[in-house]
């Protein structure tokens, strides 16, 4: 199995590139984020490789960072998320974005990726919610676990209120988590006021 390729960029397309390694051209699929950060042809680069073997093909998927590769592996464990859909998700979301959106249950962010509808986004959130804290970009407290069940209820209500005002759950959640830690025992009204003040900056 191929785990790493170092070679010269021959060309890049919207979803893949060709890497010349000692005269052999490897066709490597990648997220648009990875492709945008590759050096211009004919510069040299190194790509971490995930090799996927199927009955009818052997496919190579390339990553500049191990964090993105780890997320690719995790996303493809979800039923309905193949390699193409996983790359589409990684094209529109960083590892940090994914931790926040999945932890906060923000399915709308996931549906920005080609091939991800509401039902698949729901499945991704449900299956990965308890795994994201161990993933790159994680380390934040899971939703509703900041300081017990009462805080979890205030946080959930505040998230819902802010979503109604047009704020995405993924951007509101880290602000709320910080406020609930700094202002333990604060009322729902106070939490929302402080969050609005922070988000308006």
Protein backbone atom coordinates (compact mmCIF):
# COMPACT_ATOMS: atom_id res chain seq x y z
CA UNK A 1 0.00 0.00 0.00
CA UNK A 2 1.19 3.53 -0.74
CA UNK A 3 1.31 5.80 2.32
CA UNK A 4 3.42 8.72 1.10
CA UNK A 5 4.50 10.20 -2.22
CA UNK A 6 7.17 12.82 -2.82
CA UNK A 7 7.47 14.17 -6.33
CA UNK A 8 6.92 16.97 -8.81
CA UNK A 9 3.51 18.48 -9.46
CA UNK A 10 2.68 17.96 -13.13
CA UNK A 11 -0.83 19.43 -13.14
CA UNK A 12 -3.83 20.08 -10.92
CA UNK A 13 -7.54 19.89 -11.68
CA UNK A 14 -10.63 20.68 -9.61
CA UNK A 15 -10.51 17.43 -7.65
CA UNK A 16 -7.13 15.81 -8.35
CA UNK A 17 -3.53 16.28 -9.36
CA UNK A 18 -0.81 14.33 -11.13
CA UNK A 19 2.40 13.79 -9.17
CA UNK A 20 5.55 12.70 -11.00
CA UNK A 21 7.57 10.39 -8.76
CA UNK A 22 10.80 9.34 -10.51
CA UNK A 23 9.13 9.31 -13.91
CA UNK A 24 5.90 7.63 -12.83
CA UNK A 25 2.79 9.84 -12.84
CA UNK A 26 0.40 9.16 -9.96
CA UNK A 27 -3.18 10.42 -10.20
CA UNK A 28 -4.09 11.62 -6.71
CA UNK A 29 -7.55 12.83 -5.68
CA UNK A 30 -7.67 15.54 -3.01
CA UNK A 31 -9.90 18.16 -1.41
CA UNK A 32 -10.03 21.58 -3.03
CA UNK A 33 -8.42 22.93 0.15
CA UNK A 34 -5.39 20.66 -0.31
CA UNK A 35 -5.16 21.34 -4.03
CA UNK A 36 -5.26 25.09 -3.44
CA UNK A 37 -2.28 24.82 -1.09
CA UNK A 38 -0.10 22.76 -3.42
CA UNK A 39 2.87 24.51 -5.00
CA UNK A 40 2.60 25.40 -8.68
CA UNK A 41 3.86 22.98 -11.34
CA UNK A 42 6.64 21.94 -11.67
CA UNK A 43 7.47 22.39 -7.97
CA UNK A 44 8.20 19.48 -5.66
CA UNK A 45 5.79 18.45 -2.89
CA UNK A 46 4.99 15.65 -0.48
CA UNK A 47 1.55 14.13 -0.01
CA UNK A 48 0.31 11.71 2.63
CA UNK A 49 -1.60 9.02 0.78
CA UNK A 50 -4.67 6.98 1.62
CA UNK A 51 -4.89 4.01 -0.74
CA UNK A 52 -8.39 2.67 -1.39
CA UNK A 53 -8.60 -0.69 -3.15
CA UNK A 54 -11.86 -1.67 -4.83
CA UNK A 55 -12.75 -4.52 -7.14
CA UNK A 56 -12.54 -2.29 -10.20
CA UNK A 57 -9.92 0.28 -9.20
CA UNK A 58 -7.09 1.35 -6.92
CA UNK A 59 -7.51 5.00 -5.91
CA UNK A 60 -5.05 7.34 -4.22
CA UNK A 61 -6.22 10.20 -1.99
CA UNK A 62 -3.70 12.84 -0.99
CA UNK A 63 -3.36 15.11 2.04
CA UNK A 64 -0.86 17.78 3.01
CA UNK A 65 -1.73 17.44 6.70
CA UNK A 66 -2.26 14.34 8.83
CA UNK A 67 -5.26 16.04 10.48
CA UNK A 68 -7.16 16.07 7.21
CA UNK A 69 -6.24 12.44 6.56
CA UNK A 70 -7.54 11.40 9.99
CA UNK A 71 -10.83 13.16 9.30
CA UNK A 72 -11.07 11.48 5.90
CA UNK A 73 -10.74 8.10 7.60
CA UNK A 74 -13.35 8.93 10.22
CA UNK A 75 -15.87 10.41 7.78
CA UNK A 76 -15.70 7.35 5.55
CA UNK A 77 -16.74 5.12 8.47
CA UNK A 78 -20.22 6.67 8.23
CA UNK A 79 -22.61 4.75 6.01
CA UNK A 80 -23.25 6.74 2.85
CA UNK A 81 -20.03 8.73 3.08
CA UNK A 82 -17.67 7.48 0.42
CA UNK A 83 -14.28 8.91 -0.44
CA UNK A 84 -15.75 11.47 -2.86
CA UNK A 85 -18.23 12.83 -0.29
CA UNK A 86 -15.55 12.89 2.42
CA UNK A 87 -13.34 15.02 0.17
CA UNK A 88 -16.29 17.31 -0.57
CA UNK A 89 -16.82 17.83 3.17
CA UNK A 90 -13.11 18.50 3.70
CA UNK A 91 -13.19 20.97 0.82
CA UNK A 92 -15.63 23.24 2.67
CA UNK A 93 -14.69 22.56 6.32
CA UNK A 94 -11.43 22.51 8.25
CA UNK A 95 -10.91 19.94 11.04
CA UNK A 96 -11.75 22.67 13.55
CA UNK A 97 -14.96 23.53 11.67
CA UNK A 98 -15.98 19.86 11.73
CA UNK A 99 -15.41 19.51 15.46
CA UNK A 100 -17.56 22.57 16.15
CA UNK A 101 -20.33 21.79 13.67
CA UNK A 102 -20.70 18.13 14.68
CA UNK A 103 -20.47 18.88 18.41
CA UNK A 104 -23.07 21.63 18.06
CA UNK A 105 -25.31 19.55 15.82
CA UNK A 106 -24.96 22.10 13.02
CA UNK A 107 -26.18 20.01 10.08
CA UNK A 108 -26.45 23.07 7.82
CA UNK A 109 -22.67 23.42 7.68
CA UNK A 110 -22.31 19.80 6.55
CA UNK A 111 -24.95 20.19 3.82
CA UNK A 112 -22.78 22.86 2.16
CA UNK A 113 -20.70 19.97 0.82
CA UNK A 114 -21.67 18.44 -2.51
CA UNK A 115 -23.47 15.14 -2.04
CA UNK A 116 -24.52 15.77 1.58
CA UNK A 117 -28.25 16.13 2.10
CA UNK A 118 -30.14 16.67 5.35
CA UNK A 119 -30.51 12.94 6.07
CA UNK A 120 -26.82 12.18 5.57
CA UNK A 121 -25.82 15.24 7.61
CA UNK A 122 -28.04 13.96 10.43
CA UNK A 123 -26.34 10.55 10.25
CA UNK A 124 -22.86 12.10 10.33
CA UNK A 125 -23.72 14.18 13.42
CA UNK A 126 -25.36 11.23 15.18
CA UNK A 127 -22.57 8.74 14.51
CA UNK A 128 -19.59 11.04 15.08
CA UNK A 129 -20.77 13.32 17.91
CA UNK A 130 -19.12 11.21 20.60
CA UNK A 131 -15.88 10.81 18.62
CA UNK A 132 -14.99 14.37 17.65
CA UNK A 133 -13.33 15.37 20.95
CA UNK A 134 -10.50 12.94 20.15
CA UNK A 135 -10.04 14.24 16.63
CA UNK A 136 -7.64 16.96 15.40
CA UNK A 137 -9.21 20.35 16.01
CA UNK A 138 -11.00 18.98 19.08
CA UNK A 139 -10.39 19.40 22.74
CA UNK A 140 -13.46 21.57 23.33
CA UNK A 141 -16.06 20.43 25.83
CA UNK A 142 -18.91 18.51 24.19
CA UNK A 143 -22.21 20.33 23.83
CA UNK A 144 -24.13 20.41 27.11
CA UNK A 145 -21.14 19.19 29.14
CA UNK A 146 -19.68 22.53 30.17
CA UNK A 147 -20.74 22.29 33.82
CA UNK A 148 -23.62 19.90 34.35
CA UNK A 149 -27.17 19.41 33.18
CA UNK A 150 -28.47 22.85 34.20
CA UNK A 151 -25.76 24.57 32.14
CA UNK A 152 -26.45 22.17 29.30
CA UNK A 153 -30.09 23.26 29.28
CA UNK A 154 -29.18 26.98 29.28
CA UNK A 155 -26.66 26.37 26.52
CA UNK A 156 -29.15 24.47 24.37
CA UNK A 157 -31.82 27.18 24.84
CA UNK A 158 -29.31 29.95 24.10
CA UNK A 159 -28.11 28.13 20.98
CA UNK A 160 -31.68 27.84 19.75
CA UNK A 161 -32.34 31.53 20.43
CA UNK A 162 -29.18 32.64 18.62
CA UNK A 163 -29.97 30.33 15.69
CA UNK A 164 -33.35 32.08 15.46
CA UNK A 165 -31.48 35.38 15.18
CA UNK A 166 -29.46 34.08 12.24
CA UNK A 167 -26.26 32.90 13.93
CA UNK A 168 -24.85 29.52 12.92
CA UNK A 169 -24.61 27.00 15.76
CA UNK A 170 -20.95 26.36 14.96
CA UNK A 171 -20.03 30.02 15.48
CA UNK A 172 -22.31 30.56 18.49
CA UNK A 173 -21.35 27.43 20.41
CA UNK A 174 -17.70 28.30 21.30
CA UNK A 175 -18.83 31.78 22.42
CA UNK A 176 -21.57 30.31 24.63
CA UNK A 177 -19.23 27.67 26.07
CA UNK A 178 -16.76 30.37 27.12
CA UNK A 179 -19.49 32.58 28.62
CA UNK A 180 -20.95 29.70 30.64
CA UNK A 181 -17.54 28.94 32.10
CA UNK A 182 -16.78 32.60 32.88
CA UNK A 183 -20.29 33.37 34.23
CA UNK A 184 -21.30 30.18 36.02
CA UNK A 185 -24.94 30.24 37.10
CA UNK A 186 -25.87 33.11 34.76
CA UNK A 187 -29.49 33.30 33.62
CA UNK A 188 -30.53 32.52 30.08
CA UNK A 189 -31.24 36.20 29.35
CA UNK A 190 -27.79 37.25 30.57
CA UNK A 191 -26.05 34.51 28.59
CA UNK A 192 -27.84 35.57 25.40
CA UNK A 193 -27.01 39.26 25.98
CA UNK A 194 -23.33 38.50 26.56
CA UNK A 195 -23.25 36.21 23.51
CA UNK A 196 -24.84 38.84 21.27
CA UNK A 197 -22.32 41.42 22.47
CA UNK A 198 -19.44 39.04 21.68
CA UNK A 199 -20.81 37.92 18.31
CA UNK A 200 -21.46 41.52 17.23
CA UNK A 201 -17.76 42.38 17.43
